[in-house]
C-alpha atoms as a PDB file:
ATOM      1  CA  UNK A   1      12.161  -5.799 -34.128  1.00  0.00           C
ATOM      2  CA  UNK A   2      13.280  -9.104 -34.866  1.00  0.00           C
ATOM      3  CA  UNK A   3      10.901 -10.451 -31.946  1.00  0.00           C
ATOM      4  CA  UNK A   4       8.200  -8.937 -33.784  1.00  0.00           C
ATOM      5  CA  UNK A   5       9.431 -10.920 -37.130  1.00  0.00           C
ATOM      6  CA  UNK A   6       9.735 -14.090 -35.584  1.00  0.00           C
ATOM      7  CA  UNK A   7       6.522 -13.737 -34.316  1.00  0.00           C
ATOM      8  CA  UNK A   8       5.155 -13.015 -37.306  1.00  0.00           C
ATOM      9  CA  UNK A   9       6.922 -15.782 -39.396  1.00  0.00           C
ATOM     10  CA  UNK A  10       5.274 -18.381 -36.598  1.00  0.00           C
ATOM     11  CA  UNK A  11       2.289 -17.532 -37.432  1.00  0.00           C
ATOM     12  CA  UNK A  12       2.301 -17.980 -40.914  1.00  0.00           C
ATOM     13  CA  UNK A  13       4.092 -20.844 -40.573  1.00  0.00           C
ATOM     14  CA  UNK A  14       1.906 -22.641 -38.210  1.00  0.00           C
ATOM     15  CA  UNK A  15      -1.443 -23.318 -40.545  1.00  0.00           C
ATOM     16  CA  UNK A  16       1.423 -25.048 -42.812  1.00  0.00           C
ATOM     17  CA  UNK A  17       2.696 -27.066 -40.732  1.00  0.00           C
ATOM     18  CA  UNK A  18      -0.606 -27.991 -39.379  1.00  0.00           C
ATOM     19  CA  UNK A  19      -1.903 -28.920 -43.146  1.00  0.00           C
ATOM     20  CA  UNK A  20       0.861 -30.993 -43.372  1.00  0.00           C
ATOM     21  CA  UNK A  21       0.352 -33.065 -40.019  1.00  0.00           C
ATOM     22  CA  UNK A  22      -3.314 -33.366 -41.157  1.00  0.00           C
ATOM     23  CA  UNK A  23      -2.678 -34.452 -44.578  1.00  0.00           C
ATOM     24  CA  UNK A  24      -0.567 -37.292 -42.903  1.00  0.00           C
ATOM     25  CA  UNK A  25      -2.944 -38.249 -40.740  1.00  0.00           C
ATOM     26  CA  UNK A  26      -5.652 -38.385 -43.278  1.00  0.00           C
ATOM     27  CA  UNK A  27      -3.883 -40.307 -45.934  1.00  0.00           C
ATOM     28  CA  UNK A  28      -2.858 -42.998 -43.299  1.00  0.00           C
ATOM     29  CA  UNK A  29      -6.479 -43.263 -42.240  1.00  0.00           C
ATOM     30  CA  UNK A  30      -7.637 -44.015 -45.956  1.00  0.00           C
ATOM     31  CA  UNK A  31      -4.746 -46.521 -46.805  1.00  0.00           C
ATOM     32  CA  UNK A  32      -2.719 -46.908 -43.813  1.00  0.00           C
ATOM     33  CA  UNK A  33      -1.385 -49.780 -41.858  1.00  0.00           C
ATOM     34  CA  UNK A  34      -4.295 -52.364 -40.204  1.00  0.00           C
ATOM     35  CA  UNK A  35      -3.347 -54.685 -37.856  1.00  0.00           C
ATOM     36  CA  UNK A  36      -5.060 -58.026 -37.799  1.00  0.00           C
ATOM     37  CA  UNK A  37      -5.225 -60.912 -35.451  1.00  0.00           C
ATOM     38  CA  UNK A  38      -6.757 -64.387 -35.731  1.00  0.00           C
ATOM     39  CA  UNK A  39      -7.366 -66.437 -32.688  1.00  0.00           C
ATOM     40  CA  UNK A  40      -7.033 -70.237 -33.534  1.00  0.00           C
ATOM     41  CA  UNK A  41      -7.798 -71.858 -30.348  1.00  0.00           C
ATOM     42  CA  UNK A  42     -11.051 -73.212 -31.755  1.00  0.00           C
ATOM     43  CA  UNK A  43      -9.814 -74.498 -35.064  1.00  0.00           C
ATOM     44  CA  UNK A  44      -9.285 -78.025 -33.881  1.00  0.00           C
ATOM     45  CA  UNK A  45      -6.124 -78.602 -35.490  1.00  0.00           C
ATOM     46  CA  UNK A  46      -2.648 -78.373 -34.226  1.00  0.00           C
ATOM     47  CA  UNK A  47      -0.601 -77.441 -37.362  1.00  0.00           C
ATOM     48  CA  UNK A  48      -1.706 -76.567 -41.137  1.00  0.00           C
ATOM     49  CA  UNK A  49      -1.606 -73.371 -42.934  1.00  0.00           C
ATOM     50  CA  UNK A  50      -2.612 -69.930 -43.304  1.00  0.00           C
ATOM     51  CA  UNK A  51      -3.454 -69.262 -47.022  1.00  0.00           C
ATOM     52  CA  UNK A  52      -3.363 -65.346 -48.289  1.00  0.00           C
ATOM     53  CA  UNK A  53      -4.104 -64.477 -51.674  1.00  0.00           C
ATOM     54  CA  UNK A  54      -4.841 -60.962 -53.889  1.00  0.00           C
ATOM     55  CA  UNK A  55      -6.969 -61.156 -56.774  1.00  0.00           C
ATOM     56  CA  UNK A  56      -5.308 -60.723 -59.791  1.00  0.00           C
ATOM     57  CA  UNK A  57      -6.049 -60.083 -63.241  1.00  0.00           C
ATOM     58  CA  UNK A  58      -4.327 -58.580 -66.471  1.00  0.00           C
ATOM     59  CA  UNK A  59      -4.753 -54.965 -67.652  1.00  0.00           C
ATOM     60  CA  UNK A  60      -5.527 -53.586 -64.206  1.00  0.00           C
ATOM     61  CA  UNK A  61      -4.228 -50.693 -62.480  1.00  0.00           C
ATOM     62  CA  UNK A  62      -1.457 -51.948 -60.346  1.00  0.00           C
ATOM     63  CA  UNK A  63      -2.112 -52.553 -56.584  1.00  0.00           C
ATOM     64  CA  UNK A  64      -0.103 -53.915 -53.971  1.00  0.00           C
ATOM     65  CA  UNK A  65      -0.776 -55.524 -50.515  1.00  0.00           C
ATOM     66  CA  UNK A  66       2.148 -55.694 -47.902  1.00  0.00           C
ATOM     67  CA  UNK A  67       1.654 -58.396 -44.914  1.00  0.00           C
ATOM     68  CA  UNK A  68       4.597 -58.433 -42.094  1.00  0.00           C
ATOM     69  CA  UNK A  69       5.107 -58.048 -38.984  1.00  0.00           C
ATOM     70  CA  UNK A  70       4.043 -61.970 -38.826  1.00  0.00           C
ATOM     71  CA  UNK A  71       3.301 -63.258 -35.510  1.00  0.00           C
ATOM     72  CA  UNK A  72       3.033 -67.364 -34.842  1.00  0.00           C
ATOM     73  CA  UNK A  73       3.875 -68.077 -38.318  1.00  0.00           C
ATOM     74  CA  UNK A  74       6.558 -71.018 -38.885  1.00  0.00           C
ATOM     75  CA  UNK A  75       9.644 -70.784 -41.230  1.00  0.00           C
ATOM     76  CA  UNK A  76       7.877 -72.913 -44.000  1.00  0.00           C
ATOM     77  CA  UNK A  77       6.485 -71.011 -46.586  1.00  0.00           C
ATOM     78  CA  UNK A  78       5.005 -71.965 -49.965  1.00  0.00           C
ATOM     79  CA  UNK A  79       5.007 -69.277 -52.735  1.00  0.00           C
ATOM     80  CA  UNK A  80       3.008 -70.066 -55.975  1.00  0.00           C
ATOM     81  CA  UNK A  81       3.178 -66.811 -58.125  1.00  0.00           C
ATOM     82  CA  UNK A  82       5.083 -64.943 -59.765  1.00  0.00           C
ATOM     83  CA  UNK A  83       3.222 -62.213 -58.316  1.00  0.00           C
ATOM     84  CA  UNK A  84       4.549 -62.573 -54.680  1.00  0.00           C
ATOM     85  CA  UNK A  85       7.550 -61.176 -53.471  1.00  0.00           C
ATOM     86  CA  UNK A  86       9.856 -61.590 -49.927  1.00  0.00           C
ATOM     87  CA  UNK A  87      10.135 -58.361 -48.398  1.00  0.00           C
ATOM     88  CA  UNK A  88      11.555 -57.106 -45.303  1.00  0.00           C
ATOM     89  CA  UNK A  89       9.918 -59.246 -42.281  1.00  0.00           C
ATOM     90  CA  UNK A  90       6.706 -60.417 -44.751  1.00  0.00           C
ATOM     91  CA  UNK A  91       5.437 -60.110 -48.353  1.00  0.00           C
ATOM     92  CA  UNK A  92       4.328 -58.363 -51.179  1.00  0.00           C
ATOM     93  CA  UNK A  93       1.245 -59.390 -53.571  1.00  0.00           C
ATOM     94  CA  UNK A  94       0.784 -57.959 -56.837  1.00  0.00           C
ATOM     95  CA  UNK A  95      -3.029 -57.535 -58.139  1.00  0.00           C
ATOM     96  CA  UNK A  96      -1.363 -57.927 -62.043  1.00  0.00           C
ATOM     97  CA  UNK A  97      -0.683 -61.309 -62.023  1.00  0.00           C
ATOM     98  CA  UNK A  98      -1.331 -64.630 -60.084  1.00  0.00           C
ATOM     99  CA  UNK A  99      -0.069 -65.008 -56.442  1.00  0.00           C
ATOM    100  CA  UNK A 100      -0.752 -67.171 -53.713  1.00  0.00           C
ATOM    101  CA  UNK A 101       1.175 -67.938 -50.264  1.00  0.00           C
ATOM    102  CA  UNK A 102       0.253 -70.899 -48.176  1.00  0.00           C
ATOM    103  CA  UNK A 103       2.583 -70.481 -44.727  1.00  0.00           C
ATOM    104  CA  UNK A 104       2.916 -73.214 -42.216  1.00  0.00           C
ATOM    105  CA  UNK A 105       1.433 -72.375 -38.908  1.00  0.00           C
ATOM    106  CA  UNK A 106       1.103 -73.691 -35.486  1.00  0.00           C
ATOM    107  CA  UNK A 107      -2.680 -73.353 -34.271  1.00  0.00           C
ATOM    108  CA  UNK A 108      -4.062 -72.992 -31.062  1.00  0.00           C
ATOM    109  CA  UNK A 109      -2.908 -69.394 -30.593  1.00  0.00           C
ATOM    110  CA  UNK A 110      -3.140 -66.140 -31.599  1.00  0.00           C
ATOM    111  CA  UNK A 111      -1.565 -65.633 -35.322  1.00  0.00           C
ATOM    112  CA  UNK A 112      -1.123 -61.699 -36.217  1.00  0.00           C
ATOM    113  CA  UNK A 113      -0.011 -59.639 -38.835  1.00  0.00           C
ATOM    114  CA  UNK A 114      -0.015 -55.908 -40.336  1.00  0.00           C
ATOM    115  CA  UNK A 115      -1.674 -55.260 -43.720  1.00  0.00           C
ATOM    116  CA  UNK A 116      -1.351 -52.367 -45.963  1.00  0.00           C
ATOM    117  CA  UNK A 117      -2.135 -51.414 -49.480  1.00  0.00           C
ATOM    118  CA  UNK A 118      -0.773 -48.910 -52.318  1.00  0.00           C
ATOM    119  CA  UNK A 119      -1.857 -48.917 -55.690  1.00  0.00           C
ATOM    120  CA  UNK A 120      -2.010 -46.378 -58.793  1.00  0.00           C
ATOM    121  CA  UNK A 121      -5.199 -44.632 -59.218  1.00  0.00           C
ATOM    122  CA  UNK A 122      -8.011 -45.231 -61.530  1.00  0.00           C
ATOM    123  CA  UNK A 123     -10.354 -42.588 -62.287  1.00  0.00           C
ATOM    124  CA  UNK A 124     -13.325 -45.259 -63.248  1.00  0.00           C
ATOM    125  CA  UNK A 125     -12.779 -47.261 -60.252  1.00  0.00           C
ATOM    126  CA  UNK A 126     -12.635 -50.418 -62.552  1.00  0.00           C
ATOM    127  CA  UNK A 127     -11.409 -53.280 -60.349  1.00  0.00           C
ATOM    128  CA  UNK A 128     -10.926 -53.255 -56.768  1.00  0.00           C
ATOM    129  CA  UNK A 129      -8.557 -55.876 -55.397  1.00  0.00           C
ATOM    130  CA  UNK A 130      -9.851 -58.286 -52.812  1.00  0.00           C
ATOM    131  CA  UNK A 131      -7.083 -59.879 -50.144  1.00  0.00           C
ATOM    132  CA  UNK A 132      -8.662 -62.723 -48.513  1.00  0.00           C
ATOM    133  CA  UNK A 133      -7.124 -65.221 -45.894  1.00  0.00           C
ATOM    134  CA  UNK A 134      -7.774 -68.386 -45.020  1.00  0.00           C
ATOM    135  CA  UNK A 135      -6.761 -71.315 -42.618  1.00  0.00           C
ATOM    136  CA  UNK A 136      -6.222 -75.324 -43.280  1.00  0.00           C
ATOM    137  CA  UNK A 137      -4.990 -78.249 -41.562  1.00  0.00           C
ATOM    138  CA  UNK A 138      -2.610 -80.423 -43.135  1.00  0.00           C
ATOM    139  CA  UNK A 139      -4.855 -82.170 -45.458  1.00  0.00           C
ATOM    140  CA  UNK A 140      -6.206 -78.709 -46.940  1.00  0.00           C
ATOM    141  CA  UNK A 141      -9.541 -78.827 -44.903  1.00  0.00           C
ATOM    142  CA  UNK A 142     -10.674 -75.424 -44.394  1.00  0.00           C
ATOM    143  CA  UNK A 143     -10.898 -74.318 -40.339  1.00  0.00           C
ATOM    144  CA  UNK A 144     -12.383 -71.810 -38.520  1.00  0.00           C
ATOM    145  CA  UNK A 145     -15.881 -69.797 -39.287  1.00  0.00           C
ATOM    146  CA  UNK A 146     -15.274 -69.414 -43.223  1.00  0.00           C
ATOM    147  CA  UNK A 147     -16.949 -68.273 -46.012  1.00  0.00           C
ATOM    148  CA  UNK A 148     -18.785 -71.314 -47.818  1.00  0.00           C
ATOM    149  CA  UNK A 149     -18.379 -69.935 -51.472  1.00  0.00           C
ATOM    150  CA  UNK A 150     -14.402 -68.624 -50.876  1.00  0.00           C
ATOM    151  CA  UNK A 151     -13.519 -70.201 -47.963  1.00  0.00           C
ATOM    152  CA  UNK A 152     -11.923 -67.222 -46.820  1.00  0.00           C
ATOM    153  CA  UNK A 153     -11.979 -65.738 -42.855  1.00  0.00           C
ATOM    154  CA  UNK A 154     -11.547 -62.693 -43.765  1.00  0.00           C
ATOM    155  CA  UNK A 155     -11.973 -60.401 -46.970  1.00  0.00           C
ATOM    156  CA  UNK A 156     -10.092 -57.069 -47.627  1.00  0.00           C
ATOM    157  CA  UNK A 157     -10.990 -55.043 -50.391  1.00  0.00           C
ATOM    158  CA  UNK A 158      -8.508 -52.467 -51.897  1.00  0.00           C
ATOM    159  CA  UNK A 159     -10.350 -49.396 -53.984  1.00  0.00           C
ATOM    160  CA  UNK A 160      -8.252 -46.908 -55.417  1.00  0.00           C
ATOM    161  CA  UNK A 161      -8.088 -43.259 -55.704  1.00  0.00           C
ATOM    162  CA  UNK A 162     -10.152 -42.061 -58.444  1.00  0.00           C
ATOM    163  CA  UNK A 163      -7.387 -39.311 -58.722  1.00  0.00           C
ATOM    164  CA  UNK A 164      -3.766 -39.063 -58.726  1.00  0.00           C
ATOM    165  CA  UNK A 165      -3.017 -37.159 -55.570  1.00  0.00           C
ATOM    166  CA  UNK A 166      -5.848 -39.133 -53.744  1.00  0.00           C
ATOM    167  CA  UNK A 167      -5.809 -42.265 -51.345  1.00  0.00           C
ATOM    168  CA  UNK A 168      -7.238 -45.688 -51.681  1.00  0.00           C
ATOM    169  CA  UNK A 169      -9.946 -46.957 -49.069  1.00  0.00           C
ATOM    170  CA  UNK A 170      -9.636 -50.426 -47.325  1.00  0.00           C
ATOM    171  CA  UNK A 171     -12.967 -52.375 -46.719  1.00  0.00           C
ATOM    172  CA  UNK A 172     -13.310 -55.273 -44.136  1.00  0.00           C
ATOM    173  CA  UNK A 173     -15.064 -58.206 -44.251  1.00  0.00           C
ATOM    174  CA  UNK A 174     -14.615 -60.726 -41.255  1.00  0.00           C
ATOM    175  CA  UNK A 175     -16.620 -64.095 -41.235  1.00  0.00           C
ATOM    176  CA  UNK A 176     -14.856 -65.745 -38.424  1.00  0.00           C
ATOM    177  CA  UNK A 177     -15.889 -63.920 -35.314  1.00  0.00           C
ATOM    178  CA  UNK A 178     -12.365 -64.918 -33.730  1.00  0.00           C
ATOM    179  CA  UNK A 179     -10.641 -62.312 -35.731  1.00  0.00           C
ATOM    180  CA  UNK A 180      -9.423 -58.734 -35.029  1.00  0.00           C
ATOM    181  CA  UNK A 181      -8.701 -55.880 -36.906  1.00  0.00           C
ATOM    182  CA  UNK A 182      -7.795 -52.342 -35.555  1.00  0.00           C
ATOM    183  CA  UNK A 183      -5.524 -49.255 -36.993  1.00  0.00           C
ATOM    184  CA  UNK A 184      -2.026 -49.367 -36.040  1.00  0.00           C
ATOM    185  CA  UNK A 185      -0.714 -47.250 -32.911  1.00  0.00           C
ATOM    186  CA  UNK A 186       1.314 -44.742 -35.607  1.00  0.00           C
ATOM    187  CA  UNK A 187      -1.640 -44.043 -37.449  1.00  0.00           C
ATOM    188  CA  UNK A 188      -3.715 -43.452 -35.012  1.00  0.00           C
ATOM    189  CA  UNK A 189      -1.142 -41.595 -32.916  1.00  0.00           C
ATOM    190  CA  UNK A 190      -0.609 -39.272 -35.816  1.00  0.00           C
ATOM    191  CA  UNK A 191      -4.206 -38.392 -36.245  1.00  0.00           C
ATOM    192  CA  UNK A 192      -4.229 -37.791 -32.552  1.00  0.00           C
ATOM    193  CA  UNK A 193      -1.401 -35.896 -33.194  1.00  0.00           C
ATOM    194  CA  UNK A 194      -3.383 -33.350 -35.630  1.00  0.00           C
ATOM    195  CA  UNK A 195      -6.160 -33.314 -33.937  1.00  0.00           C
ATOM    196  CA  UNK A 196      -4.189 -31.920 -30.896  1.00  0.00           C
ATOM    197  CA  UNK A 197      -2.570 -29.466 -33.432  1.00  0.00           C
ATOM    198  CA  UNK A 198      -5.968 -28.035 -34.039  1.00  0.00           C
ATOM    199  CA  UNK A 199      -7.132 -27.619 -30.862  1.00  0.00           C
ATOM    200  CA  UNK A 200      -3.792 -25.665 -30.188  1.00  0.00           C
ATOM    201  CA  UNK A 201      -4.272 -23.459 -33.041  1.00  0.00           C
ATOM    202  CA  UNK A 202      -7.777 -23.018 -32.318  1.00  0.00           C
ATOM    203  CA  UNK A 203      -6.903 -21.993 -28.695  1.00  0.00           C
ATOM    204  CA  UNK A 204      -4.093 -19.674 -30.076  1.00  0.00           C
ATOM    205  CA  UNK A 205      -6.687 -17.676 -32.130  1.00  0.00           C
ATOM    206  CA  UNK A 206      -8.826 -16.912 -29.562  1.00  0.00           C
ATOM    207  CA  UNK A 207      -8.823 -12.929 -28.860  1.00  0.00           C
ATOM    208  CA  UNK A 208      -7.484 -12.805 -25.129  1.00  0.00           C
ATOM    209  CA  UNK A 209      -4.224 -15.087 -26.318  1.00  0.00           C
ATOM    210  CA  UNK A 210      -3.763 -12.890 -29.165  1.00  0.00           C
ATOM    211  CA  UNK A 211      -4.019  -9.775 -27.090  1.00  0.00           C
ATOM    212  CA  UNK A 212      -1.605 -11.287 -24.734  1.00  0.00           C
ATOM    213  CA  UNK A 213       0.749 -12.188 -27.354  1.00  0.00           C
ATOM    214  CA  UNK A 214       0.482  -8.862 -28.966  1.00  0.00           C
ATOM    215  CA  UNK A 215       1.528  -7.295 -25.541  1.00  0.00           C
ATOM    216  CA  UNK A 216       4.365  -9.511 -25.294  1.00  0.00           C
ATOM    217  CA  UNK A 217       5.653  -8.713 -28.484  1.00  0.00           C
ATOM    218  CA  UNK A 218       5.177  -5.126 -28.129  1.00  0.00           C
ATOM    219  CA  UNK A 219       7.458  -5.036 -24.827  1.00  0.00           C
ATOM    220  CA  UNK A 220      10.283  -6.370 -26.845  1.00  0.00           C
ATOM    221  CA  UNK A 221      10.428  -3.681 -29.194  1.00  0.00           C
ATOM    222  CA  UNK A 222      13.096  -1.282 -28.429  1.00  0.00           C
ATOM    223  CA  UNK A 223      11.665   2.360 -27.158  1.00  0.00           C
END
């Protein structure tokens, strides 16, 4: 009897667990962490700055961009606003006030960092926040294949969710071909886990598997 009850509870809980995993995987795909790598070997400068800025305006739904796991950056950073806060391993940018970060770097190799967004919902999508990255030499001349209007090497846009329980989305526009952007392994692993659970649940629902499980449960019942 206990085995039969356990089998019934497992069958009821498995879809719930699967839904939780897939929900987390979906959230990571739409608003998760992305890894940005910049090959600066063609910049033609030994030292300079990487500039990062999140577009800001008063009276808009709050959005934040977090940069961390920074590789290849020096210890010197110049913060020019109240909308930028140091956090563990990096910085948090806010879109409700001005923000700008000039970070000293050594050019010639790979600069990389992780980037993630979060923010309040906006049913009207009145404001799409843009996080731009540019590179400059010691005289503040732009480097790389930059946008002639903005000076940006890369432009990441954050579109807030329309609902309170939804997820925003990230858009990517790369001007410099030496920049690569990939999802973080943790996010990809979570999505993969959700797909594996779907395959397992589908296989267990096959008639042959169900009959074998019922037979096994039946043998455990007392005579």
